[in-house]
Amino acid sequence: MGGGQGPGAVRAGRIRALAAALGAVLLCAAPSQALPPLDQDALLRDHLWREVTLRPKGRRPTIGLVLSGGSLRALAHSGVYSVLENAGFPIDVVAGVSMGAVLGSAIASGMPSRMLTQMAPKIGFRGASNYGAFSLARLAFFDSPLSSEKTARWVDTVLRRPRFEDLKRPFACVAMDIKSGEEIMFREGPLGPAVRASMNLPGIFSPVQYRHRYLVDGGVVNFIPVNAARLLGAHYVVASVTDLDYSQSRLKSMLNTLEQVIDIRGALLAREQRKAANFLIEPKVHDIGFVETLKALDLVAQGVISARRRLPALQEDLILFSHPRLAEDWISEGRRRR
């Protein structure tokens, strides 16, 4: 039998050491006050978790939530967000791309996870465009792309946040200039056109004309926009990633084939971009296509399952990442008690 320790045991050991440091600092500061014993890992994590979450922004790391692309599969992000919100996980900035930009704008606006989950079936591909038999016929036979204008209207009407500056949390989304291949990052200005451009699938939707540029889905160049969250000031980034194993997907139509091309590109980008995040949550979204809206709530459920499974490890990882700032505060508190 091997004698090595798994990642969970290593994390638990580091958590115990951090708790011991807290106890030592406070005992030195106030030797007459005994601390209650914290023997179990769950109690240690809960205690230190409160130490992190009760601190205002500025006294803990700035935390970013990044939502990948993934067409309809990205609706799993709403399930991930519901778990984080219910756990009291602090989210200071949000970044997203493609459908992740649509959901990210809602989260940044302050929309509760319950409402976002209820809306999920309505903000998929069908709800974001003029999708229908007639429009598909025009796309197939007359090379007339669909329109994603409904996405901008949804942002303006439902979120009631016409500009980035109106959002409750800093938010960024990414699009691509179809002429130059350049990544375009939006952090200010009108929100609706930016979100629309970010989820504007090339070859299916007409490019969005914005300031002399022609913009399409940013997932083609940046499937997990961790860099956008960093530019907003995030020290610690949690990324929800909903790419798929494209080798198992089904090619049933022209739209499926085009989606497969985009998915392959996104999956290849995601391999490297995963490394830029501090922590990953990866819902099992299988090979659900972007028009299978009847499966929207199944996707949300997969996000919930994955996030619940990863939550203890996420809490421990953030505690360990935050410990230098926590230690500084504990030392300062100890000196004030002398």
C-alpha atoms as a PDB file:
ATOM      1  CA  MET A   1       0.000   0.000   0.000  1.00  0.00           C
ATOM      2  CA  GLY A   2       1.251   3.486  -0.882  1.00  0.00           C
ATOM      3  CA  GLY A   3       1.956   5.991   1.822  1.00  0.00           C
ATOM      4  CA  GLY A   4       1.188   9.199  -0.124  1.00  0.00           C
ATOM      5  CA  GLN A   5      -1.561  11.650   0.718  1.00  0.00           C
ATOM      6  CA  GLY A   6      -4.308  12.672  -1.678  1.00  0.00           C
ATOM      7  CA  PRO A   7      -5.179  16.321  -2.483  1.00  0.00           C
ATOM      8  CA  GLY A   8      -8.023  16.292   0.053  1.00  0.00           C
ATOM      9  CA  ALA A   9      -5.768  15.183   2.881  1.00  0.00           C
ATOM     10  CA  VAL A  10      -3.150  17.775   1.953  1.00  0.00           C
ATOM     11  CA  ARG A  11      -5.757  20.535   1.922  1.00  0.00           C
ATOM     12  CA  ALA A  12      -7.131  19.383   5.278  1.00  0.00           C
ATOM     13  CA  GLY A  13      -3.645  19.462   6.755  1.00  0.00           C
ATOM     14  CA  ARG A  14      -3.054  22.977   5.497  1.00  0.00           C
ATOM     15  CA  ILE A  15      -6.439  24.082   6.881  1.00  0.00           C
ATOM     16  CA  ARG A  16      -5.495  22.671  10.320  1.00  0.00           C
ATOM     17  CA  ALA A  17      -2.183  24.504  10.195  1.00  0.00           C
ATOM     18  CA  LEU A  18      -3.930  27.754   9.320  1.00  0.00           C
ATOM     19  CA  ALA A  19      -6.402  27.301  12.169  1.00  0.00           C
ATOM     20  CA  ALA A  20      -3.514  26.577  14.548  1.00  0.00           C
ATOM     21  CA  ALA A  21      -1.852  29.821  13.441  1.00  0.00           C
ATOM     22  CA  LEU A  22      -5.059  31.726  14.170  1.00  0.00           C
ATOM     23  CA  GLY A  23      -5.260  30.139  17.603  1.00  0.00           C
ATOM     24  CA  ALA A  24      -1.636  30.931  18.395  1.00  0.00           C
ATOM     25  CA  VAL A  25      -2.001  34.575  17.427  1.00  0.00           C
ATOM     26  CA  LEU A  26      -5.131  35.099  19.481  1.00  0.00           C
ATOM     27  CA  LEU A  27      -3.832  33.164  22.481  1.00  0.00           C
ATOM     28  CA  CYS A  28      -0.650  35.250  22.543  1.00  0.00           C
ATOM     29  CA  ALA A  29      -2.752  38.394  22.386  1.00  0.00           C
ATOM     30  CA  ALA A  30      -5.206  37.322  25.096  1.00  0.00           C
ATOM     31  CA  PRO A  31      -3.797  34.411  27.136  1.00  0.00           C
ATOM     32  CA  SER A  32      -6.631  34.529  29.649  1.00  0.00           C
ATOM     33  CA  GLN A  33      -9.219  33.622  27.020  1.00  0.00           C
ATOM     34  CA  ALA A  34      -9.200  29.998  25.932  1.00  0.00           C
ATOM     35  CA  LEU A  35     -10.296  29.120  22.415  1.00  0.00           C
ATOM     36  CA  PRO A  36     -12.783  26.275  21.909  1.00  0.00           C
ATOM     37  CA  PRO A  37     -11.158  23.204  20.335  1.00  0.00           C
ATOM     38  CA  LEU A  38     -11.616  22.849  16.576  1.00  0.00           C
ATOM     39  CA  ASP A  39     -10.863  19.221  15.904  1.00  0.00           C
ATOM     40  CA  GLN A  40     -13.009  18.320  12.933  1.00  0.00           C
ATOM     41  CA  ASP A  41     -12.196  19.406   9.400  1.00  0.00           C
ATOM     42  CA  ALA A  42     -15.747  20.606   8.757  1.00  0.00           C
ATOM     43  CA  LEU A  43     -15.715  22.859  11.843  1.00  0.00           C
ATOM     44  CA  LEU A  44     -12.352  24.269  10.867  1.00  0.00           C
ATOM     45  CA  ARG A  45     -13.509  24.998   7.339  1.00  0.00           C
ATOM     46  CA  ASP A  46     -16.739  26.618   8.529  1.00  0.00           C
ATOM     47  CA  HIS A  47     -14.928  28.823  11.025  1.00  0.00           C
ATOM     48  CA  LEU A  48     -12.304  29.961   8.533  1.00  0.00           C
ATOM     49  CA  TRP A  49     -14.919  30.335   5.817  1.00  0.00           C
ATOM     50  CA  ARG A  50     -16.743  32.866   7.966  1.00  0.00           C
ATOM     51  CA  GLU A  51     -13.438  34.651   8.507  1.00  0.00           C
ATOM     52  CA  VAL A  52     -13.158  35.063   4.724  1.00  0.00           C
ATOM     53  CA  THR A  53     -16.762  35.849   3.782  1.00  0.00           C
ATOM     54  CA  LEU A  54     -17.493  38.325   6.579  1.00  0.00           C
ATOM     55  CA  ARG A  55     -14.643  40.543   5.509  1.00  0.00           C
ATOM     56  CA  PRO A  56     -15.567  43.340   3.104  1.00  0.00           C
ATOM     57  CA  LYS A  57     -13.945  43.676  -0.286  1.00  0.00           C
ATOM     58  CA  GLY A  58     -10.487  45.107   0.253  1.00  0.00           C
ATOM     59  CA  ARG A  59      -9.820  43.021   3.358  1.00  0.00           C
ATOM     60  CA  ARG A  60      -9.935  39.796   1.352  1.00  0.00           C
ATOM     61  CA  PRO A  61      -9.003  38.910  -2.232  1.00  0.00           C
ATOM     62  CA  THR A  62     -11.225  40.291  -4.984  1.00  0.00           C
ATOM     63  CA  ILE A  63     -13.112  37.305  -6.393  1.00  0.00           C
ATOM     64  CA  GLY A  64     -14.159  36.878 -10.006  1.00  0.00           C
ATOM     65  CA  LEU A  65     -16.677  34.501 -11.560  1.00  0.00           C
ATOM     66  CA  VAL A  66     -15.986  33.586 -15.200  1.00  0.00           C
ATOM     67  CA  LEU A  67     -18.597  31.897 -17.401  1.00  0.00           C
ATOM     68  CA  SER A  68     -17.436  30.091 -20.527  1.00  0.00           C
ATOM     69  CA  GLY A  69     -19.166  29.813 -23.858  1.00  0.00           C
ATOM     70  CA  GLY A  70     -21.010  26.665 -24.842  1.00  0.00           C
ATOM     71  CA  SER A  71     -24.254  27.716 -26.564  1.00  0.00           C
ATOM     72  CA  LEU A  72     -27.284  26.227 -24.789  1.00  0.00           C
ATOM     73  CA  ARG A  73     -25.021  24.106 -22.588  1.00  0.00           C
ATOM     74  CA  ALA A  74     -23.909  27.305 -20.855  1.00  0.00           C
ATOM     75  CA  LEU A  75     -27.288  27.408 -19.087  1.00  0.00           C
ATOM     76  CA  ALA A  76     -25.583  25.092 -16.585  1.00  0.00           C
ATOM     77  CA  HIS A  77     -23.843  28.246 -15.313  1.00  0.00           C
ATOM     78  CA  SER A  78     -27.123  29.334 -13.697  1.00  0.00           C
ATOM     79  CA  GLY A  79     -27.093  26.145 -11.602  1.00  0.00           C
ATOM     80  CA  VAL A  80     -23.496  26.778 -10.577  1.00  0.00           C
ATOM     81  CA  TYR A  81     -24.362  30.335  -9.584  1.00  0.00           C
ATOM     82  CA  SER A  82     -27.330  29.207  -7.482  1.00  0.00           C
ATOM     83  CA  VAL A  83     -25.066  26.985  -5.374  1.00  0.00           C
ATOM     84  CA  LEU A  84     -22.473  29.736  -4.922  1.00  0.00           C
ATOM     85  CA  GLU A  85     -25.125  32.286  -3.990  1.00  0.00           C
ATOM     86  CA  ASN A  86     -26.788  29.979  -1.464  1.00  0.00           C
ATOM     87  CA  ALA A  87     -23.388  29.198   0.103  1.00  0.00           C
ATOM     88  CA  GLY A  88     -22.677  32.900   0.561  1.00  0.00           C
ATOM     89  CA  PHE A  89     -19.715  32.716  -1.797  1.00  0.00           C
ATOM     90  CA  PRO A  90     -18.541  36.302  -2.424  1.00  0.00           C
ATOM     91  CA  ILE A  91     -18.510  37.363  -6.067  1.00  0.00           C
ATOM     92  CA  ASP A  92     -17.055  40.799  -6.767  1.00  0.00           C
ATOM     93  CA  VAL A  93     -16.654  40.836 -10.568  1.00  0.00           C
ATOM     94  CA  VAL A  94     -18.131  38.795 -13.420  1.00  0.00           C
ATOM     95  CA  ALA A  95     -16.886  38.003 -16.936  1.00  0.00           C
ATOM     96  CA  GLY A  96     -18.447  35.884 -19.653  1.00  0.00           C
ATOM     97  CA  VAL A  97     -18.507  35.044 -23.318  1.00  0.00           C
ATOM     98  CA  SER A  98     -21.243  33.901 -25.706  1.00  0.00           C
ATOM     99  CA  MET A  99     -24.188  32.544 -23.673  1.00  0.00           C
ATOM    100  CA  GLY A 100     -21.961  32.978 -20.627  1.00  0.00           C
ATOM    101  CA  ALA A 101     -22.065  36.721 -21.362  1.00  0.00           C
ATOM    102  CA  VAL A 102     -25.878  36.698 -21.341  1.00  0.00           C
ATOM    103  CA  LEU A 103     -25.996  34.917 -17.988  1.00  0.00           C
ATOM    104  CA  GLY A 104     -23.060  36.925 -16.652  1.00  0.00           C
ATOM    105  CA  SER A 105     -24.809  40.206 -17.390  1.00  0.00           C
ATOM    106  CA  ALA A 106     -27.822  38.990 -15.409  1.00  0.00           C
ATOM    107  CA  ILE A 107     -25.636  37.968 -12.456  1.00  0.00           C
ATOM    108  CA  ALA A 108     -23.775  41.288 -12.565  1.00  0.00           C
ATOM    109  CA  SER A 109     -27.114  43.125 -12.573  1.00  0.00           C
ATOM    110  CA  GLY A 110     -27.967  41.550  -9.230  1.00  0.00           C
ATOM    111  CA  MET A 111     -30.586  39.096 -10.498  1.00  0.00           C
ATOM    112  CA  PRO A 112     -31.191  36.385  -7.855  1.00  0.00           C
ATOM    113  CA  SER A 113     -30.287  32.849  -8.879  1.00  0.00           C
ATOM    114  CA  ARG A 114     -33.897  31.703  -8.422  1.00  0.00           C
ATOM    115  CA  MET A 115     -35.108  34.174 -11.035  1.00  0.00           C
ATOM    116  CA  LEU A 116     -32.232  33.353 -13.373  1.00  0.00           C
ATOM    117  CA  THR A 117     -33.093  29.645 -13.189  1.00  0.00           C
ATOM    118  CA  GLN A 118     -36.723  30.374 -13.997  1.00  0.00           C
ATOM    119  CA  MET A 119     -35.697  32.403 -17.022  1.00  0.00           C
ATOM    120  CA  ALA A 120     -33.124  29.887 -18.304  1.00  0.00           C
ATOM    121  CA  PRO A 121     -35.462  28.106 -20.791  1.00  0.00           C
ATOM    122  CA  LYS A 122     -36.390  31.474 -22.312  1.00  0.00           C
ATOM    123  CA  ILE A 123     -32.885  32.805 -22.890  1.00  0.00           C
ATOM    124  CA  GLY A 124     -31.510  29.960 -24.961  1.00  0.00           C
ATOM    125  CA  PHE A 125     -30.935  30.055 -28.713  1.00  0.00           C
ATOM    126  CA  ARG A 126     -34.637  30.265 -29.575  1.00  0.00           C
ATOM    127  CA  GLY A 127     -35.261  33.083 -27.128  1.00  0.00           C
ATOM    128  CA  ALA A 128     -32.211  35.038 -28.264  1.00  0.00           C
ATOM    129  CA  SER A 129     -32.961  35.113 -31.999  1.00  0.00           C
ATOM    130  CA  ASN A 130     -35.602  35.033 -34.715  1.00  0.00           C
ATOM    131  CA  TYR A 131     -35.169  31.248 -34.972  1.00  0.00           C
ATOM    132  CA  GLY A 132     -37.960  29.521 -36.857  1.00  0.00           C
ATOM    133  CA  ALA A 133     -38.741  27.426 -39.920  1.00  0.00           C
ATOM    134  CA  PHE A 134     -38.920  30.440 -42.242  1.00  0.00           C
ATOM    135  CA  SER A 135     -35.691  32.008 -40.975  1.00  0.00           C
ATOM    136  CA  LEU A 136     -33.881  28.666 -41.219  1.00  0.00           C
ATOM    137  CA  ALA A 137     -35.071  28.254 -44.800  1.00  0.00           C
ATOM    138  CA  ARG A 138     -33.707  31.690 -45.634  1.00  0.00           C
ATOM    139  CA  LEU A 139     -30.392  30.752 -43.980  1.00  0.00           C
ATOM    140  CA  ALA A 140     -30.154  27.473 -45.909  1.00  0.00           C
ATOM    141  CA  PHE A 141     -31.328  28.567 -49.359  1.00  0.00           C
ATOM    142  CA  PHE A 142     -30.698  32.312 -49.574  1.00  0.00           C
ATOM    143  CA  ASP A 143     -27.609  32.752 -47.379  1.00  0.00           C
ATOM    144  CA  SER A 144     -29.580  35.090 -45.117  1.00  0.00           C
ATOM    145  CA  PRO A 145     -28.294  34.840 -41.510  1.00  0.00           C
ATOM    146  CA  LEU A 146     -30.533  34.962 -38.462  1.00  0.00           C
ATOM    147  CA  SER A 147     -30.760  38.037 -36.260  1.00  0.00           C
ATOM    148  CA  SER A 148     -29.712  38.161 -32.601  1.00  0.00           C
ATOM    149  CA  GLU A 149     -31.366  41.509 -31.955  1.00  0.00           C
ATOM    150  CA  LYS A 150     -33.696  39.917 -29.375  1.00  0.00           C
ATOM    151  CA  THR A 151     -30.690  39.428 -27.101  1.00  0.00           C
ATOM    152  CA  ALA A 152     -30.043  43.171 -26.863  1.00  0.00           C
ATOM    153  CA  ARG A 153     -33.752  43.792 -26.241  1.00  0.00           C
ATOM    154  CA  TRP A 154     -33.749  41.184 -23.451  1.00  0.00           C
ATOM    155  CA  VAL A 155     -30.809  42.871 -21.745  1.00  0.00           C
ATOM    156  CA  ASP A 156     -32.411  46.315 -21.968  1.00  0.00           C
ATOM    157  CA  THR A 157     -35.944  45.212 -21.039  1.00  0.00           C
ATOM    158  CA  VAL A 158     -35.457  42.465 -18.456  1.00  0.00           C
ATOM    159  CA  LEU A 159     -32.260  43.620 -16.763  1.00  0.00           C
ATOM    160  CA  ARG A 160     -33.144  47.315 -17.047  1.00  0.00           C
ATOM    161  CA  ARG A 161     -29.433  48.048 -17.111  1.00  0.00           C
ATOM    162  CA  PRO A 162     -28.684  49.906 -20.343  1.00  0.00           C
ATOM    163  CA  ARG A 163     -24.989  50.453 -19.570  1.00  0.00           C
ATOM    164  CA  PHE A 164     -22.134  48.561 -17.932  1.00  0.00           C
ATOM    165  CA  GLU A 165     -21.833  51.395 -15.436  1.00  0.00           C
ATOM    166  CA  ASP A 166     -25.395  50.668 -14.192  1.00  0.00           C
ATOM    167  CA  LEU A 167     -24.602  47.102 -13.104  1.00  0.00           C
ATOM    168  CA  LYS A 168     -24.225  46.194  -9.432  1.00  0.00           C
ATOM    169  CA  ARG A 169     -20.993  44.296 -10.090  1.00  0.00           C
ATOM    170  CA  PRO A 170     -18.228  45.125 -12.575  1.00  0.00           C
ATOM    171  CA  PHE A 171     -18.769  43.032 -15.704  1.00  0.00           C
ATOM    172  CA  ALA A 172     -16.877  42.307 -18.912  1.00  0.00           C
ATOM    173  CA  CYS A 173     -17.678  40.281 -22.018  1.00  0.00           C
ATOM    174  CA  VAL A 174     -15.742  39.355 -25.130  1.00  0.00           C
ATOM    175  CA  ALA A 175     -16.487  39.441 -28.868  1.00  0.00           C
ATOM    176  CA  MET A 176     -14.370  39.009 -31.995  1.00  0.00           C
ATOM    177  CA  ASP A 177     -13.853  41.356 -34.941  1.00  0.00           C
ATOM    178  CA  ILE A 178     -14.706  39.107 -37.895  1.00  0.00           C
ATOM    179  CA  LYS A 179     -12.460  41.112 -40.255  1.00  0.00           C
ATOM    180  CA  SER A 180      -9.283  41.141 -38.173  1.00  0.00           C
ATOM    181  CA  GLY A 181      -9.772  38.195 -35.801  1.00  0.00           C
ATOM    182  CA  GLU A 182      -9.055  40.582 -32.932  1.00  0.00           C
ATOM    183  CA  GLU A 183     -10.504  39.977 -29.489  1.00  0.00           C
ATOM    184  CA  ILE A 184     -12.755  42.861 -28.424  1.00  0.00           C
ATOM    185  CA  MET A 185     -13.403  43.261 -24.715  1.00  0.00           C
ATOM    186  CA  PHE A 186     -16.352  45.304 -23.432  1.00  0.00           C
ATOM    187  CA  ARG A 187     -16.222  46.821 -19.945  1.00  0.00           C
ATOM    188  CA  GLU A 188     -18.116  50.076 -20.386  1.00  0.00           C
ATOM    189  CA  GLY A 189     -20.744  51.716 -22.561  1.00  0.00           C
ATOM    190  CA  PRO A 190     -24.053  50.262 -23.810  1.00  0.00           C
ATOM    191  CA  LEU A 191     -24.631  46.770 -22.413  1.00  0.00           C
ATOM    192  CA  GLY A 192     -27.164  45.330 -24.880  1.00  0.00           C
ATOM    193  CA  PRO A 193     -25.047  45.564 -28.061  1.00  0.00           C
ATOM    194  CA  ALA A 194     -21.991  44.182 -26.245  1.00  0.00           C
ATOM    195  CA  VAL A 195     -23.791  41.101 -24.907  1.00  0.00           C
ATOM    196  CA  ARG A 196     -25.444  40.562 -28.287  1.00  0.00           C
ATOM    197  CA  ALA A 197     -22.084  40.686 -30.054  1.00  0.00           C
ATOM    198  CA  SER A 198     -20.517  38.289 -27.564  1.00  0.00           C
ATOM    199  CA  MET A 199     -23.057  35.511 -28.298  1.00  0.00           C
ATOM    200  CA  ASN A 200     -23.387  36.208 -32.038  1.00  0.00           C
ATOM    201  CA  LEU A 201     -22.524  32.814 -33.554  1.00  0.00           C
ATOM    202  CA  PRO A 202     -20.611  33.298 -36.837  1.00  0.00           C
ATOM    203  CA  GLY A 203     -22.280  31.817 -39.878  1.00  0.00           C
ATOM    204  CA  ILE A 204     -25.663  31.742 -38.137  1.00  0.00           C
ATOM    205  CA  PHE A 205     -26.211  35.337 -37.026  1.00  0.00           C
ATOM    206  CA  SER A 206     -25.437  38.511 -38.926  1.00  0.00           C
ATOM    207  CA  PRO A 207     -22.333  40.250 -37.523  1.00  0.00           C
ATOM    208  CA  VAL A 208     -23.120  43.098 -35.146  1.00  0.00           C
ATOM    209  CA  GLN A 209     -21.880  46.398 -36.513  1.00  0.00           C
ATOM    210  CA  TYR A 210     -20.410  48.476 -33.697  1.00  0.00           C
ATOM    211  CA  ARG A 211     -18.044  51.436 -34.050  1.00  0.00           C
ATOM    212  CA  HIS A 212     -16.858  50.478 -37.535  1.00  0.00           C
ATOM    213  CA  ARG A 213     -16.315  46.859 -36.502  1.00  0.00           C
ATOM    214  CA  TYR A 214     -18.237  43.709 -37.423  1.00  0.00           C
ATOM    215  CA  LEU A 215     -18.466  41.544 -34.323  1.00  0.00           C
ATOM    216  CA  VAL A 216     -19.243  37.872 -33.737  1.00  0.00           C
ATOM    217  CA  ASP A 217     -19.161  35.369 -30.876  1.00  0.00           C
ATOM    218  CA  GLY A 218     -16.120  35.918 -28.659  1.00  0.00           C
ATOM    219  CA  GLY A 219     -15.884  32.209 -27.853  1.00  0.00           C
ATOM    220  CA  VAL A 220     -14.042  31.763 -31.134  1.00  0.00           C
ATOM    221  CA  VAL A 221     -11.006  33.550 -29.647  1.00  0.00           C
ATOM    222  CA  ASN A 222     -11.524  33.373 -25.871  1.00  0.00           C
ATOM    223  CA  PHE A 223     -13.677  30.518 -24.589  1.00  0.00           C
ATOM    224  CA  ILE A 224     -12.922  31.117 -20.880  1.00  0.00           C
ATOM    225  CA  PRO A 225     -12.251  34.872 -20.467  1.00  0.00           C
ATOM    226  CA  VAL A 226     -10.211  34.748 -17.265  1.00  0.00           C
ATOM    227  CA  ASN A 227      -8.155  37.676 -18.576  1.00  0.00           C
ATOM    228  CA  ALA A 228     -11.286  39.838 -18.564  1.00  0.00           C
ATOM    229  CA  ALA A 229     -11.914  39.125 -14.881  1.00  0.00           C
ATOM    230  CA  ARG A 230      -8.276  39.901 -14.073  1.00  0.00           C
ATOM    231  CA  LEU A 231      -8.597  43.270 -15.820  1.00  0.00           C
ATOM    232  CA  LEU A 232     -11.602  43.991 -13.605  1.00  0.00           C
ATOM    233  CA  GLY A 233      -9.360  43.459 -10.587  1.00  0.00           C
ATOM    234  CA  ALA A 234      -9.956  39.809  -9.681  1.00  0.00           C
ATOM    235  CA  HIS A 235      -7.207  38.195  -7.603  1.00  0.00           C
ATOM    236  CA  TYR A 236      -8.978  34.828  -7.381  1.00  0.00           C
ATOM    237  CA  VAL A 237     -10.999  33.462 -10.321  1.00  0.00           C
ATOM    238  CA  VAL A 238     -13.599  30.686 -10.291  1.00  0.00           C
ATOM    239  CA  ALA A 239     -14.425  29.512 -13.823  1.00  0.00           C
ATOM    240  CA  SER A 240     -17.550  27.576 -14.766  1.00  0.00           C
ATOM    241  CA  VAL A 241     -16.709  25.708 -17.984  1.00  0.00           C
ATOM    242  CA  THR A 242     -19.277  24.025 -20.235  1.00  0.00           C
ATOM    243  CA  ASP A 243     -17.418  22.734 -23.243  1.00  0.00           C
ATOM    244  CA  LEU A 244     -18.137  19.187 -24.412  1.00  0.00           C
ATOM    245  CA  ASP A 245     -16.475  16.066 -25.686  1.00  0.00           C
ATOM    246  CA  TYR A 246     -17.095  16.879 -29.332  1.00  0.00           C
ATOM    247  CA  SER A 247     -15.968  13.421 -30.403  1.00  0.00           C
ATOM    248  CA  GLN A 248     -19.238  12.085 -28.979  1.00  0.00           C
ATOM    249  CA  SER A 249     -21.553  14.706 -30.502  1.00  0.00           C
ATOM    250  CA  ARG A 250     -24.076  13.993 -33.239  1.00  0.00           C
ATOM    251  CA  LEU A 251     -24.028  15.624 -36.677  1.00  0.00           C
ATOM    252  CA  LYS A 252     -27.686  15.710 -37.633  1.00  0.00           C
ATOM    253  CA  SER A 253     -27.961  18.916 -39.656  1.00  0.00           C
ATOM    254  CA  MET A 254     -26.114  21.858 -41.140  1.00  0.00           C
ATOM    255  CA  LEU A 255     -26.570  23.754 -37.865  1.00  0.00           C
ATOM    256  CA  ASN A 256     -25.143  20.838 -35.871  1.00  0.00           C
ATOM    257  CA  THR A 257     -22.117  20.714 -38.161  1.00  0.00           C
ATOM    258  CA  LEU A 258     -21.465  24.434 -37.791  1.00  0.00           C
ATOM    259  CA  GLU A 259     -21.909  24.172 -34.035  1.00  0.00           C
ATOM    260  CA  GLN A 260     -19.382  21.310 -34.000  1.00  0.00           C
ATOM    261  CA  VAL A 261     -16.770  23.500 -35.709  1.00  0.00           C
ATOM    262  CA  ILE A 262     -17.278  26.218 -33.095  1.00  0.00           C
ATOM    263  CA  ASP A 263     -17.205  23.657 -30.265  1.00  0.00           C
ATOM    264  CA  ILE A 264     -13.933  22.147 -31.465  1.00  0.00           C
ATOM    265  CA  ARG A 265     -12.332  25.571 -31.558  1.00  0.00           C
ATOM    266  CA  GLY A 266     -13.670  26.360 -28.074  1.00  0.00           C
ATOM    267  CA  ALA A 267     -12.498  23.034 -26.628  1.00  0.00           C
ATOM    268  CA  LEU A 268      -8.988  23.534 -27.997  1.00  0.00           C
ATOM    269  CA  LEU A 269      -8.821  27.031 -26.512  1.00  0.00           C
ATOM    270  CA  ALA A 270     -10.186  25.810 -23.192  1.00  0.00           C
ATOM    271  CA  ARG A 271      -7.317  23.362 -22.686  1.00  0.00           C
ATOM    272  CA  GLU A 272      -4.872  26.202 -22.070  1.00  0.00           C
ATOM    273  CA  GLN A 273      -7.291  28.745 -20.648  1.00  0.00           C
ATOM    274  CA  ARG A 274      -8.280  26.407 -17.809  1.00  0.00           C
ATOM    275  CA  LYS A 275      -4.784  26.892 -16.388  1.00  0.00           C
ATOM    276  CA  ALA A 276      -5.362  30.629 -15.945  1.00  0.00           C
ATOM    277  CA  ALA A 277      -8.212  30.141 -13.455  1.00  0.00           C
ATOM    278  CA  ASN A 278      -7.676  29.445  -9.762  1.00  0.00           C
ATOM    279  CA  PHE A 279     -10.555  26.961  -9.562  1.00  0.00           C
ATOM    280  CA  LEU A 280     -12.735  25.128 -12.095  1.00  0.00           C
ATOM    281  CA  ILE A 281     -16.304  23.871 -11.946  1.00  0.00           C
ATOM    282  CA  GLU A 282     -17.145  21.736 -14.990  1.00  0.00           C
ATOM    283  CA  PRO A 283     -20.785  20.621 -15.290  1.00  0.00           C
ATOM    284  CA  LYS A 284     -21.361  17.418 -17.254  1.00  0.00           C
ATOM    285  CA  VAL A 285     -23.278  18.884 -20.173  1.00  0.00           C
ATOM    286  CA  HIS A 286     -22.793  16.002 -22.624  1.00  0.00           C
ATOM    287  CA  ASP A 287     -23.642  16.768 -26.275  1.00  0.00           C
ATOM    288  CA  ILE A 288     -26.805  18.860 -25.976  1.00  0.00           C
ATOM    289  CA  GLY A 289     -27.238  21.020 -29.071  1.00  0.00           C
ATOM    290  CA  PHE A 290     -28.008  24.735 -29.030  1.00  0.00           C
ATOM    291  CA  VAL A 291     -31.647  24.342 -30.163  1.00  0.00           C
ATOM    292  CA  GLU A 292     -32.609  21.602 -27.656  1.00  0.00           C
ATOM    293  CA  THR A 293     -34.266  24.075 -25.285  1.00  0.00           C
ATOM    294  CA  LEU A 294     -36.508  21.410 -23.724  1.00  0.00           C
ATOM    295  CA  LYS A 295     -33.365  20.207 -21.926  1.00  0.00           C
ATOM    296  CA  ALA A 296     -32.633  23.628 -20.408  1.00  0.00           C
ATOM    297  CA  LEU A 297     -33.615  22.667 -16.857  1.00  0.00           C
ATOM    298  CA  ASP A 298     -31.562  19.462 -17.124  1.00  0.00           C
ATOM    299  CA  LEU A 299     -28.558  21.652 -17.832  1.00  0.00           C
ATOM    300  CA  VAL A 300     -29.309  23.844 -14.817  1.00  0.00           C
ATOM    301  CA  ALA A 301     -29.521  20.685 -12.686  1.00  0.00           C
ATOM    302  CA  GLN A 302     -26.124  19.537 -13.931  1.00  0.00           C
ATOM    303  CA  GLY A 303     -24.673  22.870 -12.876  1.00  0.00           C
ATOM    304  CA  VAL A 304     -26.149  22.447  -9.392  1.00  0.00           C
ATOM    305  CA  ILE A 305     -24.797  18.890  -9.057  1.00  0.00           C
ATOM    306  CA  SER A 306     -21.284  19.832 -10.162  1.00  0.00           C
ATOM    307  CA  ALA A 307     -21.087  22.941  -7.982  1.00  0.00           C
ATOM    308  CA  ARG A 308     -22.353  21.150  -4.865  1.00  0.00           C
ATOM    309  CA  ARG A 309     -19.792  18.421  -5.386  1.00  0.00           C
ATOM    310  CA  ARG A 310     -16.955  20.935  -5.742  1.00  0.00           C
ATOM    311  CA  LEU A 311     -18.067  23.447  -3.088  1.00  0.00           C
ATOM    312  CA  PRO A 312     -16.073  22.095  -0.093  1.00  0.00           C
ATOM    313  CA  ALA A 313     -12.876  21.997  -2.149  1.00  0.00           C
ATOM    314  CA  LEU A 314     -13.587  25.507  -3.468  1.00  0.00           C
ATOM    315  CA  GLN A 315     -14.094  26.880   0.030  1.00  0.00           C
ATOM    316  CA  GLU A 316     -10.859  25.306   1.240  1.00  0.00           C
ATOM    317  CA  ASP A 317      -8.943  26.578  -1.762  1.00  0.00           C
ATOM    318  CA  LEU A 318     -10.166  30.145  -1.277  1.00  0.00           C
ATOM    319  CA  ILE A 319      -9.379  29.990   2.449  1.00  0.00           C
ATOM    320  CA  LEU A 320      -5.811  28.936   1.695  1.00  0.00           C
ATOM    321  CA  PHE A 321      -5.465  31.585  -1.022  1.00  0.00           C
ATOM    322  CA  SER A 322      -6.739  34.233   1.428  1.00  0.00           C
ATOM    323  CA  HIS A 323      -4.584  33.227   4.391  1.00  0.00           C
ATOM    324  CA  PRO A 324      -1.847  35.900   3.960  1.00  0.00           C
ATOM    325  CA  ARG A 325      -4.455  38.650   4.290  1.00  0.00           C
ATOM    326  CA  LEU A 326      -6.233  36.814   7.084  1.00  0.00           C
ATOM    327  CA  ALA A 327      -2.954  36.418   8.971  1.00  0.00           C
ATOM    328  CA  GLU A 328      -2.239  40.145   8.676  1.00  0.00           C
ATOM    329  CA  ASP A 329      -5.658  40.938  10.130  1.00  0.00           C
ATOM    330  CA  TRP A 330      -5.232  38.423  12.955  1.00  0.00           C
ATOM    331  CA  ILE A 331      -1.861  39.887  13.882  1.00  0.00           C
ATOM    332  CA  SER A 332      -3.331  43.409  13.862  1.00  0.00           C
ATOM    333  CA  GLU A 333      -6.275  42.267  15.993  1.00  0.00           C
ATOM    334  CA  GLY A 334      -3.898  40.553  18.401  1.00  0.00           C
ATOM    335  CA  ARG A 335      -1.811  43.701  18.818  1.00  0.00           C
ATOM    336  CA  ARG A 336      -4.923  45.783  19.515  1.00  0.00           C
ATOM    337  CA  ARG A 337      -5.954  43.385  22.293  1.00  0.00           C
ATOM    338  CA  ARG A 338      -2.664  43.754  24.175  1.00  0.00           C
END
